[in-house]
Structures are given as C-alpha cells and as structure tokens.
C-alpha cells in the first residue's frame, strides 16, 4: 500500500514562490512516475508536471519556465518549486503516483491548498 502526503501550500502574493513536497510512504518509489495535478473550484483537475523514475520531466504550458518538479530517491519525496506565482495558480494541488505493476495503479495525496493573492 502506498500513501502520499503533501505539504507546503499556503497563501502567497502574486510574484511570490512556494515549494510543495510530497512524501511517499510505501515501497518501490524509484519505479513510480510521479506527478503534480491541480484543481481550482469549479474546474476539472489538470496535470501540472510529471517526472519519470529517471527524472525526465514534462510540464503543462501554463507553468513552463515558472515551476520545477524534482524527486529525491533517498528521501522518497517529490517537490514542486513554484516561482512567479499568479492568481490563476490558485488551486488545490495533488500529488499522484503511478505504477505499471499490478496492471497499473494510481495513488493520490489529500491535496494542499495554494492561494495566490493579487
């Protein structure tokens, strides 16, 4: 069983920065594709950034150049460094872990709220 625990959300002014963390509790972290999603009120959940076991990354267009996803295999933690934050970045941010084992499974954290004031 895998558990994902996010932290680091909060209230920040436009132009500010935050770093989100996602702690992975379980086994085989190094084999998981990890990602950050976000969901704003009244909107669908959307992919923000993704990182493979080999640390290849990909980003949604709306965060390219501002956000950076990374992972620390020793700490079994995934990070999302968010710079130049905008009010439209306000959302609940969710950590996702995906494995191809057992036919493919997804795990989700409980979410952490990011609010950017103008």
C-alpha atoms as a PDB file:
ATOM      1  CA  UNK A   1       0.000   0.000   0.000  1.00  0.00           C
ATOM      2  CA  UNK A   2       1.204   3.496  -0.887  1.00  0.00           C
ATOM      3  CA  UNK A   3       0.408   6.734   0.894  1.00  0.00           C
ATOM      4  CA  UNK A   4       1.230  10.190  -0.440  1.00  0.00           C
ATOM      5  CA  UNK A   5       1.358  13.169   1.916  1.00  0.00           C
ATOM      6  CA  UNK A   6       1.608  16.696   0.530  1.00  0.00           C
ATOM      7  CA  UNK A   7       2.791  19.772   2.379  1.00  0.00           C
ATOM      8  CA  UNK A   8       3.983  23.291   1.677  1.00  0.00           C
ATOM      9  CA  UNK A   9       0.841  25.011   0.470  1.00  0.00           C
ATOM     10  CA  UNK A  10      -0.270  28.386   1.738  1.00  0.00           C
ATOM     11  CA  UNK A  11      -1.091  31.974   0.918  1.00  0.00           C
ATOM     12  CA  UNK A  12       1.394  33.963  -1.139  1.00  0.00           C
ATOM     13  CA  UNK A  13       1.329  37.253  -3.023  1.00  0.00           C
ATOM     14  CA  UNK A  14       1.435  37.403  -6.788  1.00  0.00           C
ATOM     15  CA  UNK A  15       5.026  37.026  -7.971  1.00  0.00           C
ATOM     16  CA  UNK A  16       5.996  35.014  -4.918  1.00  0.00           C
ATOM     17  CA  UNK A  17       7.247  31.451  -4.542  1.00  0.00           C
ATOM     18  CA  UNK A  18       6.271  28.263  -2.762  1.00  0.00           C
ATOM     19  CA  UNK A  19       7.738  24.776  -2.649  1.00  0.00           C
ATOM     20  CA  UNK A  20       5.395  21.824  -2.338  1.00  0.00           C
ATOM     21  CA  UNK A  21       6.574  18.481  -1.037  1.00  0.00           C
ATOM     22  CA  UNK A  22       5.054  15.039  -1.474  1.00  0.00           C
ATOM     23  CA  UNK A  23       6.296  12.328   0.865  1.00  0.00           C
ATOM     24  CA  UNK A  24       5.935   8.774  -0.458  1.00  0.00           C
ATOM     25  CA  UNK A  25       5.168   6.096   2.103  1.00  0.00           C
ATOM     26  CA  UNK A  26       5.473   2.610   0.697  1.00  0.00           C
ATOM     27  CA  UNK A  27       7.731   0.521  -1.481  1.00  0.00           C
ATOM     28  CA  UNK A  28       9.357   0.857  -4.884  1.00  0.00           C
ATOM     29  CA  UNK A  29       9.270   4.664  -5.031  1.00  0.00           C
ATOM     30  CA  UNK A  30      12.054   4.609  -7.594  1.00  0.00           C
ATOM     31  CA  UNK A  31       9.795   2.802 -10.069  1.00  0.00           C
ATOM     32  CA  UNK A  32       6.899   5.230  -9.879  1.00  0.00           C
ATOM     33  CA  UNK A  33       6.073   8.002 -12.305  1.00  0.00           C
ATOM     34  CA  UNK A  34       5.203  10.941 -10.075  1.00  0.00           C
ATOM     35  CA  UNK A  35       3.170  13.992 -10.941  1.00  0.00           C
ATOM     36  CA  UNK A  36       1.501  17.085  -9.593  1.00  0.00           C
ATOM     37  CA  UNK A  37      -2.044  17.969 -10.541  1.00  0.00           C
ATOM     38  CA  UNK A  38      -4.201  20.899  -9.519  1.00  0.00           C
ATOM     39  CA  UNK A  39      -7.875  21.628  -9.286  1.00  0.00           C
ATOM     40  CA  UNK A  40      -9.434  25.053  -8.974  1.00  0.00           C
ATOM     41  CA  UNK A  41     -13.030  25.497  -7.747  1.00  0.00           C
ATOM     42  CA  UNK A  42     -15.498  24.627 -10.488  1.00  0.00           C
ATOM     43  CA  UNK A  43     -12.794  23.302 -12.796  1.00  0.00           C
ATOM     44  CA  UNK A  44     -11.500  19.879 -13.712  1.00  0.00           C
ATOM     45  CA  UNK A  45      -8.301  18.517 -12.268  1.00  0.00           C
ATOM     46  CA  UNK A  46      -5.388  19.223 -14.603  1.00  0.00           C
ATOM     47  CA  UNK A  47      -1.846  17.951 -14.938  1.00  0.00           C
ATOM     48  CA  UNK A  48       0.829  20.432 -13.869  1.00  0.00           C
ATOM     49  CA  UNK A  49       4.099  18.498 -14.088  1.00  0.00           C
ATOM     50  CA  UNK A  50       5.356  14.941 -14.332  1.00  0.00           C
ATOM     51  CA  UNK A  51       8.655  13.229 -13.544  1.00  0.00           C
ATOM     52  CA  UNK A  52       9.743   9.737 -14.542  1.00  0.00           C
ATOM     53  CA  UNK A  53      11.827   7.306 -12.470  1.00  0.00           C
ATOM     54  CA  UNK A  54      14.848   8.523 -14.433  1.00  0.00           C
ATOM     55  CA  UNK A  55      13.941  12.159 -13.627  1.00  0.00           C
ATOM     56  CA  UNK A  56      12.817  13.163 -17.103  1.00  0.00           C
ATOM     57  CA  UNK A  57      10.271  15.922 -16.749  1.00  0.00           C
ATOM     58  CA  UNK A  58       7.385  17.453 -18.626  1.00  0.00           C
ATOM     59  CA  UNK A  59       5.249  20.475 -17.849  1.00  0.00           C
ATOM     60  CA  UNK A  60       1.912  21.968 -18.742  1.00  0.00           C
ATOM     61  CA  UNK A  61       2.335  25.015 -20.960  1.00  0.00           C
ATOM     62  CA  UNK A  62       0.855  27.312 -18.343  1.00  0.00           C
ATOM     63  CA  UNK A  63       3.679  26.595 -15.860  1.00  0.00           C
ATOM     64  CA  UNK A  64       6.667  26.172 -18.154  1.00  0.00           C
ATOM     65  CA  UNK A  65       9.554  28.357 -17.060  1.00  0.00           C
ATOM     66  CA  UNK A  66       7.968  29.025 -13.657  1.00  0.00           C
ATOM     67  CA  UNK A  67       7.576  25.617 -11.970  1.00  0.00           C
ATOM     68  CA  UNK A  68      10.143  22.872 -11.469  1.00  0.00           C
ATOM     69  CA  UNK A  69       9.401  19.285 -10.469  1.00  0.00           C
ATOM     70  CA  UNK A  70      12.107  17.163  -8.881  1.00  0.00           C
ATOM     71  CA  UNK A  71      12.480  13.974  -6.866  1.00  0.00           C
ATOM     72  CA  UNK A  72      14.812  12.747  -4.168  1.00  0.00           C
ATOM     73  CA  UNK A  73      15.042   8.969  -4.220  1.00  0.00           C
ATOM     74  CA  UNK A  74      16.852   8.773  -0.884  1.00  0.00           C
ATOM     75  CA  UNK A  75      14.117  10.791   0.840  1.00  0.00           C
ATOM     76  CA  UNK A  76      11.318   9.282  -1.288  1.00  0.00           C
ATOM     77  CA  UNK A  77       9.964  12.760  -1.833  1.00  0.00           C
ATOM     78  CA  UNK A  78       8.796  14.733  -4.846  1.00  0.00           C
ATOM     79  CA  UNK A  79       8.941  18.504  -4.949  1.00  0.00           C
ATOM     80  CA  UNK A  80       7.256  21.246  -6.920  1.00  0.00           C
ATOM     81  CA  UNK A  81       9.094  24.547  -6.835  1.00  0.00           C
ATOM     82  CA  UNK A  82       6.678  27.275  -7.896  1.00  0.00           C
ATOM     83  CA  UNK A  83       8.049  30.688  -8.808  1.00  0.00           C
ATOM     84  CA  UNK A  84       6.439  33.807 -10.265  1.00  0.00           C
ATOM     85  CA  UNK A  85       3.085  32.696  -8.949  1.00  0.00           C
ATOM     86  CA  UNK A  86      -0.067  34.209 -10.423  1.00  0.00           C
ATOM     87  CA  UNK A  87      -3.601  34.465  -9.010  1.00  0.00           C
ATOM     88  CA  UNK A  88      -4.688  31.912 -11.622  1.00  0.00           C
ATOM     89  CA  UNK A  89      -2.368  29.380  -9.984  1.00  0.00           C
ATOM     90  CA  UNK A  90      -4.743  29.316  -7.019  1.00  0.00           C
ATOM     91  CA  UNK A  91      -5.931  25.728  -6.598  1.00  0.00           C
ATOM     92  CA  UNK A  92      -5.675  22.585  -4.543  1.00  0.00           C
ATOM     93  CA  UNK A  93      -2.511  20.769  -5.602  1.00  0.00           C
ATOM     94  CA  UNK A  94      -2.438  16.987  -5.577  1.00  0.00           C
ATOM     95  CA  UNK A  95       0.450  14.571  -5.741  1.00  0.00           C
ATOM     96  CA  UNK A  96      -0.008  11.479  -7.900  1.00  0.00           C
ATOM     97  CA  UNK A  97       1.997   8.291  -8.090  1.00  0.00           C
ATOM     98  CA  UNK A  98       1.584   5.882 -10.985  1.00  0.00           C
ATOM     99  CA  UNK A  99       2.925   2.369 -11.274  1.00  0.00           C
ATOM    100  CA  UNK A 100       2.649  -0.146 -14.094  1.00  0.00           C
ATOM    101  CA  UNK A 101       2.722  -3.012 -11.585  1.00  0.00           C
ATOM    102  CA  UNK A 102      -0.471  -4.931 -10.887  1.00  0.00           C
ATOM    103  CA  UNK A 103      -1.914  -3.840 -14.200  1.00  0.00           C
ATOM    104  CA  UNK A 104      -1.360  -0.187 -13.423  1.00  0.00           C
ATOM    105  CA  UNK A 105      -2.401   1.733 -10.327  1.00  0.00           C
ATOM    106  CA  UNK A 106      -2.698   5.360  -9.328  1.00  0.00           C
ATOM    107  CA  UNK A 107      -2.313   6.786  -5.847  1.00  0.00           C
ATOM    108  CA  UNK A 108      -3.319  10.285  -4.737  1.00  0.00           C
ATOM    109  CA  UNK A 109      -2.483  12.520  -1.838  1.00  0.00           C
ATOM    110  CA  UNK A 110      -5.067  14.502   0.090  1.00  0.00           C
ATOM    111  CA  UNK A 111      -4.089  17.787  -1.547  1.00  0.00           C
ATOM    112  CA  UNK A 112      -2.593  21.035  -0.341  1.00  0.00           C
ATOM    113  CA  UNK A 113      -4.151  24.443  -0.968  1.00  0.00           C
ATOM    114  CA  UNK A 114      -2.224  27.176  -2.765  1.00  0.00           C
ATOM    115  CA  UNK A 115      -3.748  30.639  -2.772  1.00  0.00           C
ATOM    116  CA  UNK A 116      -2.131  33.496  -4.690  1.00  0.00           C
ATOM    117  CA  UNK A 117      -3.373  36.978  -3.897  1.00  0.00           C
ATOM    118  CA  UNK A 118      -3.194  39.814  -6.407  1.00  0.00           C
END
